[in-house]
Amino acid sequence: CQILRCSSEYLAAPPAARCSALRSYARCTRRAARTCRGDLAYHSAVQGIEDLMIQNNCSKEGPTSAPRPPARRRLQPGDVCDYERSFVSRHGTAPSYQHCAAFGAPHVRTFHDDFHTCRVEGSWPLLDNDYLFVQATSSPVAKGSNATVTTKLTIIFKSRKECIEQKVYQAELGNLPAAFRDGSATGGSGPGGSSLAIHERVPGQLVEIRASYIGTTVAVRQAGRQLSFAIRTAREVAEAFGPEQDLQLCVGGCPRGQRLARGRRGQGGRLARAAEALCRQLLPVEDLYFQACVFDVRSSGDASLALAALGALEDARRFLPGTRSLHLFQ
């Protein structure tokens, strides 16, 4: 509800322009009617405007005063490579963020909170926009299985001349490096080079890449015989792509022909019960992460794959603080 903004714009108007300010105030409240319908301050303002129009002998028709633009903090040197500060300077408000993850079979949680289990053998793009390209390479989880797991991840941070040089990060099973392919751990020697940096959180198991120049954090994990990917990125960055970049698993999920059902489909009851018991110990909430855990352990017979779902849930908890969308249900 924007009623406070409407009121502050009216109060900031000079006394000589009282009638035009009141007409602007009335127009602002009409625009806010839908979202402020249940707000007491809104109804008080509407009644107050009518009284003030009568007291000041103002007609309802006539010119209105232009609203003052919100005060914005001056962009400081170096802010250009700090996305959040730059966004606040440009818009006067904090940016919004989105989360995507790919783990296990692989299961994909899209930016829009869709949840798919995919059969995507070979190389598929998770992201392909103006700032990032992320490709996952998958192989069958077990001989004869329809399910696949990610065995290689390639992440390209595209060059931003004022901040970083192009950097490529590549992880494979058994090799989770704490550096880019050129051996560096930052975005280069320029003034904004530190706005891209790699941090090894758990050697061989968890690497975090922070790209503050685009408001993005990436987590790459190895759990069992698979790699997991998770990202928190600014909405503006996630949506910076054209129609030719239409295949992105983080945006649209996996294609319909490549989606797998997570049901039991008549598989061994004993193995299914054992998988459920194991996953329930790690994931007590029976949400889609729990279902993914059961599917992975049952499909592969590999108990270590339960850690993939646990790691993905931990990433979601870090990347979606204070939201109700942490747990997804069918």
Foldseek 3Di string as FASTA:
>chain_A
DCLVVLVVQLVPDDPVCNQLSLLSSQVVLVVCCVVCVPPPSSVVSNVVSVVVCVVVVHDNDDHHDDGDDDDADDDDVPCLQQVQNVCCRVPVDGFDKFKWKFFFLTWIQASVRDIFFFQDAAKFWQADFPFKTKIFHWDHLDPPFSGIFTFKMKMWGDDDPQAAHIFIQMAGQVRRDQATPVRHAFRDDDPRGNLWGKDDPDVPAWIWIGNSSFAKIWIWGDWPNHIMIMMMGGPVRRPRHDPVRVGHCNHVNDDPVTTDDLDPVPPDPVQLVVQLVLLCVLPVDCFVLSSSSSSNCSRNVDNRSSVRSSVVLVSLCVNVPPDPSSGHHD
